Amino acid sequence: MADIIKDISINDLLQLFGMIAIIGGGMKYLVSLLDPFRKLKAEVGAIKDYITKDKQRLDEGDEKMKAIDKKIEKQDKALAVIGLAVSEMINHQITGNDVDALKERQRELDEFFYSGKE
């Protein structure tokens, strides 16, 4: 072991440290080359999270819109029944006839508003 240490000269040590410095510099350069890719990967991950959250919000909005559409459809049916009833009441006031149609509209109104059926 002592013989190996005697055989190592200053030049050998300088060459060894030079190689270590070159390898270290090369590694630093490789890391700096990969750094933009790491940043890009982090940004893509953040954007993916935003997209996932946006999709979730859009899905919730779609569900709310479906519920609103159902309510509007029910209101449209109610307005149609009320419109028919008013029209037939006006017709009855004018002619004094068609009591059966008034009874039918009354039944539809009662059914719609009191039983909750469409």
C-alpha atoms as a PDB file:
ATOM      1  CA  MET A   1       0.000   0.000   0.000  1.00  0.00           C
ATOM      2  CA  ALA A   2       2.812   2.338   0.857  1.00  0.00           C
ATOM      3  CA  ASP A   3       4.404   1.545  -2.519  1.00  0.00           C
ATOM      4  CA  ILE A   4       1.263   2.662  -4.356  1.00  0.00           C
ATOM      5  CA  ILE A   5       1.255   5.973  -2.503  1.00  0.00           C
ATOM      6  CA  LYS A   6       4.943   6.538  -3.333  1.00  0.00           C
ATOM      7  CA  ASP A   7       4.262   5.880  -7.033  1.00  0.00           C
ATOM      8  CA  ILE A   8       1.511   8.559  -7.201  1.00  0.00           C
ATOM      9  CA  SER A   9       2.975  11.860  -8.274  1.00  0.00           C
ATOM     10  CA  ILE A  10       1.595  15.382  -8.163  1.00  0.00           C
ATOM     11  CA  ASN A  11       0.789  15.123 -11.863  1.00  0.00           C
ATOM     12  CA  ASP A  12      -1.241  11.979 -11.250  1.00  0.00           C
ATOM     13  CA  LEU A  13      -3.211  13.754  -8.512  1.00  0.00           C
ATOM     14  CA  LEU A  14      -3.746  16.789 -10.717  1.00  0.00           C
ATOM     15  CA  GLN A  15      -4.967  14.547 -13.538  1.00  0.00           C
ATOM     16  CA  LEU A  16      -7.338  12.762 -11.155  1.00  0.00           C
ATOM     17  CA  PHE A  17      -8.758  16.017  -9.803  1.00  0.00           C
ATOM     18  CA  GLY A  18      -8.972  17.380 -13.345  1.00  0.00           C
ATOM     19  CA  MET A  19     -10.992  14.355 -14.442  1.00  0.00           C
ATOM     20  CA  ILE A  20     -13.260  14.750 -11.413  1.00  0.00           C
ATOM     21  CA  ALA A  21     -13.762  18.431 -12.284  1.00  0.00           C
ATOM     22  CA  ILE A  22     -14.506  17.574 -15.929  1.00  0.00           C
ATOM     23  CA  ILE A  23     -16.991  14.870 -14.935  1.00  0.00           C
ATOM     24  CA  GLY A  24     -18.610  17.210 -12.385  1.00  0.00           C
ATOM     25  CA  GLY A  25     -18.848  19.978 -14.982  1.00  0.00           C
ATOM     26  CA  GLY A  26     -20.331  17.542 -17.471  1.00  0.00           C
ATOM     27  CA  MET A  27     -22.904  16.401 -14.943  1.00  0.00           C
ATOM     28  CA  LYS A  28     -23.786  20.012 -14.146  1.00  0.00           C
ATOM     29  CA  TYR A  29     -24.215  20.680 -17.869  1.00  0.00           C
ATOM     30  CA  LEU A  30     -26.443  17.613 -18.287  1.00  0.00           C
ATOM     31  CA  VAL A  31     -28.567  18.685 -15.321  1.00  0.00           C
ATOM     32  CA  SER A  32     -28.889  22.174 -16.800  1.00  0.00           C
ATOM     33  CA  LEU A  33     -29.981  20.600 -20.114  1.00  0.00           C
ATOM     34  CA  LEU A  34     -32.676  18.586 -18.333  1.00  0.00           C
ATOM     35  CA  ASP A  35     -33.876  21.498 -16.195  1.00  0.00           C
ATOM     36  CA  PRO A  36     -36.273  22.960 -18.830  1.00  0.00           C
ATOM     37  CA  PHE A  37     -37.866  19.542 -19.203  1.00  0.00           C
ATOM     38  CA  ARG A  38     -38.394  19.313 -15.457  1.00  0.00           C
ATOM     39  CA  LYS A  39     -39.981  22.772 -15.426  1.00  0.00           C
ATOM     40  CA  LEU A  40     -42.149  21.858 -18.388  1.00  0.00           C
ATOM     41  CA  LYS A  41     -43.268  18.667 -16.645  1.00  0.00           C
ATOM     42  CA  ALA A  42     -44.226  20.660 -13.536  1.00  0.00           C
ATOM     43  CA  GLU A  43     -46.155  23.202 -15.635  1.00  0.00           C
ATOM     44  CA  VAL A  44     -47.970  20.442 -17.525  1.00  0.00           C
ATOM     45  CA  GLY A  45     -48.908  18.873 -14.190  1.00  0.00           C
ATOM     46  CA  ALA A  46     -50.298  22.195 -12.953  1.00  0.00           C
ATOM     47  CA  ILE A  47     -52.268  22.689 -16.171  1.00  0.00           C
ATOM     48  CA  LYS A  48     -53.613  19.148 -15.889  1.00  0.00           C
ATOM     49  CA  ASP A  49     -54.858  19.963 -12.383  1.00  0.00           C
ATOM     50  CA  TYR A  50     -56.566  23.122 -13.669  1.00  0.00           C
ATOM     51  CA  ILE A  51     -58.217  21.164 -16.474  1.00  0.00           C
ATOM     52  CA  THR A  52     -59.431  18.506 -14.036  1.00  0.00           C
ATOM     53  CA  LYS A  53     -60.935  21.171 -11.770  1.00  0.00           C
ATOM     54  CA  ASP A  54     -62.521  22.953 -14.744  1.00  0.00           C
ATOM     55  CA  LYS A  55     -64.041  19.684 -15.971  1.00  0.00           C
ATOM     56  CA  GLN A  56     -65.470  19.042 -12.520  1.00  0.00           C
ATOM     57  CA  ARG A  57     -66.994  22.541 -12.440  1.00  0.00           C
ATOM     58  CA  LEU A  58     -68.433  22.086 -15.934  1.00  0.00           C
ATOM     59  CA  ASP A  59     -69.938  18.735 -14.953  1.00  0.00           C
ATOM     60  CA  GLU A  60     -71.541  20.335 -11.902  1.00  0.00           C
ATOM     61  CA  GLY A  61     -72.839  23.138 -14.111  1.00  0.00           C
ATOM     62  CA  ASP A  62     -74.305  20.598 -16.544  1.00  0.00           C
ATOM     63  CA  GLU A  63     -76.162  18.885 -13.701  1.00  0.00           C
ATOM     64  CA  LYS A  64     -77.541  22.219 -12.517  1.00  0.00           C
ATOM     65  CA  MET A  65     -78.598  23.117 -16.055  1.00  0.00           C
ATOM     66  CA  LYS A  66     -80.431  19.790 -16.403  1.00  0.00           C
ATOM     67  CA  ALA A  67     -82.317  20.503 -13.182  1.00  0.00           C
ATOM     68  CA  ILE A  68     -83.163  24.005 -14.418  1.00  0.00           C
ATOM     69  CA  ASP A  69     -84.335  22.585 -17.765  1.00  0.00           C
ATOM     70  CA  LYS A  70     -86.673  20.189 -15.942  1.00  0.00           C
ATOM     71  CA  LYS A  71     -88.106  23.070 -13.907  1.00  0.00           C
ATOM     72  CA  ILE A  72     -88.592  25.169 -17.027  1.00  0.00           C
ATOM     73  CA  GLU A  73     -90.303  22.280 -18.783  1.00  0.00           C
ATOM     74  CA  LYS A  74     -92.659  21.869 -15.839  1.00  0.00           C
ATOM     75  CA  GLN A  75     -93.372  25.613 -15.811  1.00  0.00           C
ATOM     76  CA  ASP A  76     -94.060  25.535 -19.553  1.00  0.00           C
ATOM     77  CA  LYS A  77     -96.606  22.765 -19.023  1.00  0.00           C
ATOM     78  CA  ALA A  78     -98.218  24.745 -16.211  1.00  0.00           C
ATOM     79  CA  LEU A  79     -98.446  27.829 -18.400  1.00  0.00           C
ATOM     80  CA  ALA A  80    -100.004  25.789 -21.194  1.00  0.00           C
ATOM     81  CA  VAL A  81    -102.668  24.396 -18.838  1.00  0.00           C
ATOM     82  CA  ILE A  82    -103.356  27.855 -17.395  1.00  0.00           C
ATOM     83  CA  GLY A  83    -103.524  29.352 -20.890  1.00  0.00           C
ATOM     84  CA  LEU A  84    -106.060  26.745 -21.997  1.00  0.00           C
ATOM     85  CA  ALA A  85    -108.113  27.287 -18.861  1.00  0.00           C
ATOM     86  CA  VAL A  86    -108.166  31.065 -19.333  1.00  0.00           C
ATOM     87  CA  SER A  87    -109.057  30.679 -23.005  1.00  0.00           C
ATOM     88  CA  GLU A  88    -111.940  28.372 -22.198  1.00  0.00           C
ATOM     89  CA  MET A  89    -113.152  30.664 -19.399  1.00  0.00           C
ATOM     90  CA  ILE A  90    -113.212  33.576 -21.846  1.00  0.00           C
ATOM     91  CA  ASN A  91    -115.038  31.411 -24.379  1.00  0.00           C
ATOM     92  CA  HIS A  92    -117.548  30.389 -21.705  1.00  0.00           C
ATOM     93  CA  GLN A  93    -118.075  34.024 -20.716  1.00  0.00           C
ATOM     94  CA  ILE A  94    -118.753  34.904 -24.337  1.00  0.00           C
ATOM     95  CA  THR A  95    -120.979  31.963 -25.327  1.00  0.00           C
ATOM     96  CA  GLY A  96    -122.177  30.598 -22.005  1.00  0.00           C
ATOM     97  CA  ASN A  97    -121.543  27.062 -23.300  1.00  0.00           C
ATOM     98  CA  ASP A  98    -119.037  24.249 -22.878  1.00  0.00           C
ATOM     99  CA  VAL A  99    -119.175  23.721 -19.130  1.00  0.00           C
ATOM    100  CA  ASP A 100    -117.614  20.294 -19.645  1.00  0.00           C
ATOM    101  CA  ALA A 101    -114.418  21.870 -21.038  1.00  0.00           C
ATOM    102  CA  LEU A 102    -114.221  24.140 -17.985  1.00  0.00           C
ATOM    103  CA  LYS A 103    -114.603  21.122 -15.692  1.00  0.00           C
ATOM    104  CA  GLU A 104    -111.848  19.314 -17.610  1.00  0.00           C
ATOM    105  CA  ARG A 105    -109.472  22.306 -17.281  1.00  0.00           C
ATOM    106  CA  GLN A 106    -110.326  22.597 -13.592  1.00  0.00           C
ATOM    107  CA  ARG A 107    -109.456  18.932 -13.170  1.00  0.00           C
ATOM    108  CA  GLU A 108    -106.137  19.445 -15.015  1.00  0.00           C
ATOM    109  CA  LEU A 109    -105.272  22.473 -12.904  1.00  0.00           C
ATOM    110  CA  ASP A 110    -106.110  20.646  -9.687  1.00  0.00           C
ATOM    111  CA  GLU A 111    -104.114  17.635 -10.774  1.00  0.00           C
ATOM    112  CA  PHE A 112    -101.146  19.729 -11.797  1.00  0.00           C
ATOM    113  CA  PHE A 113    -100.922  22.041  -8.807  1.00  0.00           C
ATOM    114  CA  TYR A 114    -102.185  19.873  -5.968  1.00  0.00           C
ATOM    115  CA  SER A 115    -100.986  16.382  -6.769  1.00  0.00           C
ATOM    116  CA  GLY A 116     -97.613  17.402  -8.232  1.00  0.00           C
ATOM    117  CA  LYS A 117     -98.180  15.303 -11.344  1.00  0.00           C
ATOM    118  CA  GLU A 118     -97.277  16.603 -14.750  1.00  0.00           C
END
